[in-house]
Protein backbone atom coordinates (compact mmCIF):
# COMPACT_ATOMS: atom_id res chain seq x y z
CA MET A 1 -119.78 -80.31 -59.16
CA ALA A 2 -123.17 -79.71 -57.55
CA ASP A 3 -126.15 -77.37 -57.51
CA TYR A 4 -126.80 -75.35 -54.35
CA ALA A 5 -129.05 -72.41 -53.47
CA ASN A 6 -126.63 -70.42 -51.29
CA ILE A 7 -123.16 -71.47 -52.45
CA SER A 8 -121.55 -72.59 -55.66
CA LEU A 9 -119.03 -75.39 -56.14
CA ALA A 10 -117.15 -75.85 -59.39
CA ARG A 11 -114.02 -77.57 -60.65
CA ASP A 12 -111.13 -76.04 -62.58
CA GLY A 13 -108.84 -78.97 -63.30
CA ALA A 14 -107.48 -80.21 -59.97
CA VAL A 15 -108.80 -77.11 -58.18
CA ALA A 16 -112.28 -76.93 -56.62
CA ARG A 17 -113.71 -73.44 -56.14
CA LEU A 18 -116.38 -72.90 -53.51
CA THR A 19 -118.09 -69.51 -53.41
CA LEU A 20 -120.36 -68.28 -50.63
CA ASN A 21 -123.13 -66.80 -52.72
CA ARG A 22 -125.47 -64.53 -50.76
CA PRO A 23 -123.85 -61.22 -51.72
CA ASP A 24 -126.97 -59.19 -50.87
CA ARG A 25 -126.49 -60.34 -47.23
CA ARG A 26 -122.68 -60.16 -47.24
CA ASN A 27 -122.78 -63.97 -47.36
CA ALA A 28 -124.27 -64.18 -43.88
CA LEU A 29 -124.86 -67.76 -42.80
CA THR A 30 -128.25 -69.45 -42.48
CA HIS A 31 -128.85 -73.03 -41.39
CA ALA A 32 -129.63 -74.00 -44.99
CA MET A 33 -126.32 -72.50 -46.07
CA MET A 34 -124.43 -74.33 -43.32
CA LEU A 35 -125.95 -77.64 -44.44
CA GLU A 36 -124.86 -76.91 -48.00
CA LEU A 37 -121.33 -76.14 -46.83
CA GLU A 38 -121.06 -79.43 -44.95
CA ASP A 39 -122.30 -81.31 -48.01
CA ALA A 40 -119.88 -79.47 -50.29
CA PHE A 41 -116.89 -80.20 -48.06
CA GLY A 42 -117.90 -83.86 -48.09
CA ARG A 43 -118.01 -83.86 -51.88
CA VAL A 44 -114.54 -82.32 -52.05
CA ARG A 45 -113.16 -84.87 -49.57
CA ASN A 46 -114.49 -87.75 -51.68
CA ASP A 47 -113.18 -86.35 -54.98
CA THR A 48 -109.79 -88.02 -55.28
CA SER A 49 -108.89 -86.01 -58.38
CA CYS A 50 -109.29 -82.71 -56.48
CA ARG A 51 -106.06 -81.43 -54.95
CA VAL A 52 -106.95 -77.93 -53.74
CA LEU A 53 -110.09 -76.16 -52.50
CA VAL A 54 -110.32 -72.38 -52.93
CA LEU A 55 -112.94 -70.74 -50.71
CA ARG A 56 -114.21 -67.22 -51.38
CA GLY A 57 -117.22 -64.97 -50.85
CA ALA A 58 -119.18 -63.29 -53.64
CA GLY A 59 -119.67 -59.54 -53.80
CA GLY A 60 -116.55 -58.33 -51.99
CA HIS A 61 -117.24 -59.95 -48.61
CA PHE A 62 -116.18 -63.33 -47.25
CA SER A 63 -118.94 -63.84 -44.68
CA ALA A 64 -120.58 -61.54 -42.14
CA GLY A 65 -121.26 -64.43 -39.75
CA GLY A 66 -124.73 -65.56 -38.79
CA ASP A 67 -127.73 -63.99 -40.52
CA LEU A 68 -129.34 -61.97 -37.72
CA ASP A 69 -132.78 -61.97 -39.33
CA ALA A 70 -132.74 -65.75 -39.55
CA MET A 71 -131.44 -66.05 -36.00
CA ALA A 72 -134.13 -63.76 -34.60
CA ASP A 73 -136.90 -65.74 -36.32
CA MET A 74 -136.60 -68.78 -34.06
CA PRO A 75 -139.25 -71.26 -32.94
CA PRO A 76 -140.39 -71.09 -29.29
CA GLN A 77 -138.56 -73.11 -26.66
CA PRO A 78 -140.22 -76.51 -26.11
CA ALA A 79 -142.88 -76.23 -23.43
CA ASP A 80 -141.86 -79.53 -21.84
CA ARG A 81 -138.27 -78.28 -21.37
CA THR A 82 -136.82 -81.10 -23.44
CA THR A 83 -133.59 -80.44 -25.32
CA ASP A 84 -133.99 -77.32 -27.43
CA PRO A 85 -133.95 -78.39 -31.13
CA LEU A 86 -131.95 -75.29 -32.00
CA ILE A 87 -128.91 -76.73 -30.22
CA ALA A 88 -128.44 -79.43 -32.86
CA ALA A 89 -129.02 -76.92 -35.63
CA TYR A 90 -126.24 -74.65 -34.43
CA ARG A 91 -123.97 -77.55 -33.50
CA GLN A 92 -124.17 -78.68 -37.12
CA PHE A 93 -122.06 -75.69 -38.17
CA GLY A 94 -119.32 -77.12 -35.98
CA ASP A 95 -119.49 -80.30 -38.04
CA ALA A 96 -119.18 -78.21 -41.21
CA LEU A 97 -116.11 -76.47 -39.79
CA LEU A 98 -114.60 -79.82 -38.79
CA ALA A 99 -115.19 -81.09 -42.32
CA LEU A 100 -113.37 -78.08 -43.77
CA ASN A 101 -110.58 -78.22 -41.19
CA ASN A 102 -109.94 -81.93 -41.79
CA LEU A 103 -110.03 -82.01 -45.59
CA PRO A 104 -107.09 -84.03 -46.95
CA GLN A 105 -106.70 -81.52 -49.76
CA ALA A 106 -104.95 -78.19 -49.37
CA THR A 107 -107.41 -75.37 -48.68
CA VAL A 108 -107.03 -71.71 -49.58
CA ALA A 109 -109.38 -68.95 -48.35
CA ILE A 110 -109.47 -65.59 -50.12
CA VAL A 111 -110.83 -63.10 -47.62
CA GLU A 112 -112.23 -59.74 -48.64
CA GLY A 113 -114.41 -57.46 -46.53
CA SER A 114 -116.32 -58.95 -43.61
CA ALA A 115 -115.03 -62.16 -42.05
CA VAL A 116 -116.62 -62.12 -38.61
CA GLY A 117 -118.19 -64.90 -36.59
CA GLY A 118 -118.59 -67.90 -38.87
CA GLY A 119 -116.53 -66.22 -41.57
CA PHE A 120 -113.65 -65.87 -39.12
CA GLY A 121 -114.02 -69.55 -38.25
CA MET A 122 -113.90 -70.72 -41.87
CA ALA A 123 -110.75 -68.68 -42.46
CA CYS A 124 -109.15 -70.26 -39.39
CA CYS A 125 -110.01 -73.73 -40.75
CA SER A 126 -108.16 -73.04 -44.02
CA ASP A 127 -104.52 -73.94 -44.62
CA VAL A 128 -103.60 -70.75 -46.47
CA VAL A 129 -105.42 -67.42 -46.14
CA ILE A 130 -104.97 -64.65 -48.69
CA LEU A 131 -106.03 -61.32 -47.21
CA HIS A 132 -107.34 -58.38 -49.17
CA GLU A 133 -106.62 -55.10 -47.42
CA SER A 134 -110.38 -54.67 -46.90
CA ALA A 135 -110.62 -57.84 -44.76
CA ARG A 136 -112.01 -57.43 -41.25
CA PHE A 137 -112.10 -60.16 -38.59
CA GLY A 138 -113.72 -60.43 -35.20
CA MET A 139 -116.14 -62.06 -32.79
CA PRO A 140 -118.59 -59.19 -32.17
CA GLU A 141 -121.58 -61.38 -31.29
CA PRO A 142 -121.59 -60.43 -27.56
CA LYS A 143 -122.46 -56.88 -28.64
CA VAL A 144 -125.92 -58.15 -29.57
CA GLY A 145 -126.28 -60.63 -26.72
CA PHE A 146 -124.96 -63.99 -27.90
CA ILE A 147 -121.65 -65.73 -28.74
CA PRO A 148 -119.77 -67.00 -31.80
CA SER A 149 -120.09 -70.60 -30.48
CA GLN A 150 -118.76 -73.15 -32.98
CA ILE A 151 -115.77 -71.18 -34.26
CA ILE A 152 -114.05 -70.86 -30.86
CA PRO A 153 -111.64 -73.84 -30.93
CA PHE A 154 -110.52 -73.07 -34.45
CA VAL A 155 -109.86 -69.40 -33.72
CA VAL A 156 -107.95 -70.26 -30.53
CA ARG A 157 -105.74 -72.76 -32.34
CA ARG A 158 -105.06 -70.32 -35.15
CA ILE A 159 -104.16 -67.18 -33.23
CA GLY A 160 -103.59 -68.44 -29.66
CA ALA A 161 -105.60 -68.12 -26.47
CA GLY A 162 -104.33 -64.63 -25.58
CA PRO A 163 -105.43 -62.83 -28.76
CA ALA A 164 -108.63 -64.88 -28.88
CA ARG A 165 -109.52 -63.82 -25.33
CA ASP A 166 -108.87 -60.19 -26.25
CA LEU A 167 -111.21 -60.37 -29.24
CA ALA A 168 -113.81 -62.38 -27.33
CA VAL A 169 -114.20 -59.97 -24.42
CA THR A 170 -113.89 -56.71 -26.37
CA GLY A 171 -115.84 -57.60 -29.50
CA ARG A 172 -113.41 -55.46 -31.49
CA VAL A 173 -112.94 -56.05 -35.19
CA ILE A 174 -109.37 -56.15 -36.50
CA ASP A 175 -108.08 -55.12 -39.89
CA ALA A 176 -106.17 -57.22 -42.40
CA ALA A 177 -102.75 -56.04 -41.21
CA GLU A 178 -103.43 -57.11 -37.62
CA ALA A 179 -104.96 -60.37 -38.83
CA ARG A 180 -101.75 -61.10 -40.70
CA ARG A 181 -99.65 -60.26 -37.65
CA LEU A 182 -101.73 -62.67 -35.56
CA GLY A 183 -101.25 -65.44 -38.12
CA VAL A 184 -104.73 -65.58 -39.64
CA GLY A 185 -103.29 -65.05 -43.12
CA SER A 186 -99.90 -65.13 -44.79
CA HIS A 187 -100.51 -62.92 -47.83
CA LEU A 188 -101.71 -59.30 -47.68
CA CYS A 189 -102.92 -57.92 -51.00
CA ALA A 190 -103.79 -54.38 -52.09
CA GLY A 191 -106.10 -55.31 -54.96
CA ILE A 192 -107.59 -58.04 -57.13
CA ALA A 193 -104.47 -58.30 -59.29
CA ASP A 194 -102.39 -58.91 -56.17
CA ILE A 195 -104.87 -61.54 -54.98
CA ASN A 196 -104.70 -63.32 -58.33
CA ARG A 197 -100.90 -63.33 -58.26
CA ALA A 198 -100.83 -64.65 -54.69
CA LEU A 199 -103.37 -67.35 -55.49
CA LYS A 200 -101.46 -68.45 -58.58
CA ALA A 201 -98.25 -68.70 -56.56
CA VAL A 202 -99.95 -70.77 -53.85
CA LEU A 203 -101.60 -73.09 -56.39
CA ASP A 204 -98.33 -73.50 -58.29
CA ASP A 205 -96.63 -74.52 -55.03
CA VAL A 206 -99.36 -76.94 -53.92
CA LEU A 207 -99.69 -78.62 -57.31
CA LYS A 208 -95.98 -79.48 -57.30
CA LEU A 209 -96.53 -81.70 -54.25
CA GLU A 210 -97.59 -85.33 -54.22
CA PRO A 211 -101.25 -85.42 -53.07
CA THR A 212 -101.05 -88.27 -50.56
CA ALA A 213 -97.97 -86.73 -48.94
CA VAL A 214 -99.87 -83.45 -48.62
CA ALA A 215 -102.80 -85.21 -46.96
CA GLU A 216 -100.50 -87.04 -44.53
CA VAL A 217 -98.42 -84.04 -43.48
CA LYS A 218 -101.56 -81.96 -43.01
CA ARG A 219 -103.11 -84.72 -40.88
CA LEU A 220 -100.01 -84.86 -38.70
CA VAL A 221 -99.89 -81.08 -38.25
CA LEU A 222 -103.52 -81.08 -37.14
CA SER A 223 -102.93 -84.00 -34.79
CA CYS A 224 -100.47 -81.90 -32.77
CA ALA A 225 -103.46 -80.07 -31.26
CA THR A 226 -104.94 -83.25 -29.75
CA LYS A 227 -102.09 -85.74 -29.26
CA ASP A 228 -98.96 -85.66 -27.13
CA ASP A 229 -95.55 -85.46 -28.80
CA PRO A 230 -94.60 -89.15 -28.54
CA ALA A 231 -97.89 -90.19 -30.15
CA VAL A 232 -97.41 -87.72 -33.00
CA LEU A 233 -93.81 -88.85 -33.52
CA ASP A 234 -94.83 -92.53 -33.57
CA ASP A 235 -97.55 -91.76 -36.09
CA ALA A 236 -95.18 -89.66 -38.20
CA ALA A 237 -92.53 -92.39 -38.33
CA ALA A 238 -95.06 -94.99 -39.48
CA SER A 239 -96.50 -92.56 -42.01
CA LEU A 240 -93.06 -91.73 -43.40
CA VAL A 241 -92.13 -95.38 -43.91
CA GLY A 242 -95.47 -96.10 -45.55
CA LEU A 243 -94.97 -93.21 -47.97
CA LEU A 244 -91.36 -94.19 -48.72
CA ARG A 245 -92.50 -97.68 -49.73
CA ARG A 246 -94.85 -96.29 -52.37
CA PRO A 247 -93.76 -95.98 -56.02
CA GLN A 248 -94.49 -92.25 -55.86
CA ALA A 249 -91.59 -91.75 -53.44
CA ARG A 250 -89.20 -93.59 -55.72
CA GLU A 251 -90.42 -91.51 -58.64
CA GLY A 252 -90.08 -88.29 -56.67
CA ILE A 253 -86.55 -89.07 -55.50
CA GLU A 254 -85.42 -89.97 -59.01
CA ALA A 255 -87.04 -86.82 -60.43
CA PHE A 256 -85.27 -84.68 -57.82
CA LYS A 257 -81.92 -86.30 -58.56
CA SER A 258 -82.33 -85.93 -62.32
CA LYS A 259 -83.82 -82.40 -62.06
CA THR A 260 -87.00 -83.47 -63.84
CA VAL A 261 -90.67 -83.07 -62.87
CA PRO A 262 -92.56 -86.04 -61.38
CA SER A 263 -95.88 -87.06 -62.87
CA TRP A 264 -98.03 -85.24 -60.27
CA GLY A 265 -96.30 -81.90 -60.98
CA ARG A 266 -96.92 -81.87 -64.73
CA GLY A 267 -100.62 -81.06 -64.73
C-alpha cells in the first residue's frame, strides 16, 4: 500500500497488515516512525475496501516504547523561552494514537515481547489484542526520569484508573497473563501456531460482519467514554434506524432467515 522506512503496510485481500519494522531496536519509536504510523493509519481509514487492520512488530517484539538514543539527542531549549518545539513533536504521537483508536475498521494487535510505553498505548488503541506468552506491558519511563505521556488516556480507558495508577507509580512491567486479566488482551497464546489460529478465528468473525455496521457500533462504543448515556442512546437510535433503512440490512435479515451467507461474508 505504501513505502515507509520504519514500518511496512501491505494488503491481503480485505486485511491490511502493518508491521513495526525496526527489529534491531525492538521496534522502539522515533519521531520519523510516529509520523509514518499516523500516515499509515490515515491510508487505512481512507481505504474503503479494507475491513481489518492487523498490527504487529517484527523480530519478536511489539514495541519497546520511545527510542532512548533518539530522545537523548534533543535540540537545546529555545533561548527566548518560547514554546519548546519538542512539545509538538511528542504531541504528534497522540494524534497517531487517536487515528488508530478511531479507525472505522476493526483493528487487531498481535503482541509479542516488549510492549511498553508507546507499544502499550498502541495495544490499548486496538479492538482485539492477541497476546503471546512472551508479551510484557508497562509504563517504566519514570525509572529514567520522564513519563509515558501520550498513551495515558488510552491505557486508563482500557484497564481502568486503579490498575493504571499502580503501573504508573511503580513502573513495574506485567506479563501476558496479568495483561489478559486486566483486559489488555482477550487471547493468550503459547506459540506462533496458536497466534495464527487465534488470528484466523478473529478475522473469520470480523469478515462475517457488514462493514458499515462494524464502523457504527465501534464508533458508539468509543463515544461512551466522552458522552453521557442519553446522548449515546439518542445517537444509537438514529444510527440503528439509518442502518435498517439500507439495502444491506434487508439482505442480512433475509440471509439470516434463509440460513444463507450475505454478500459481505462471502469473500
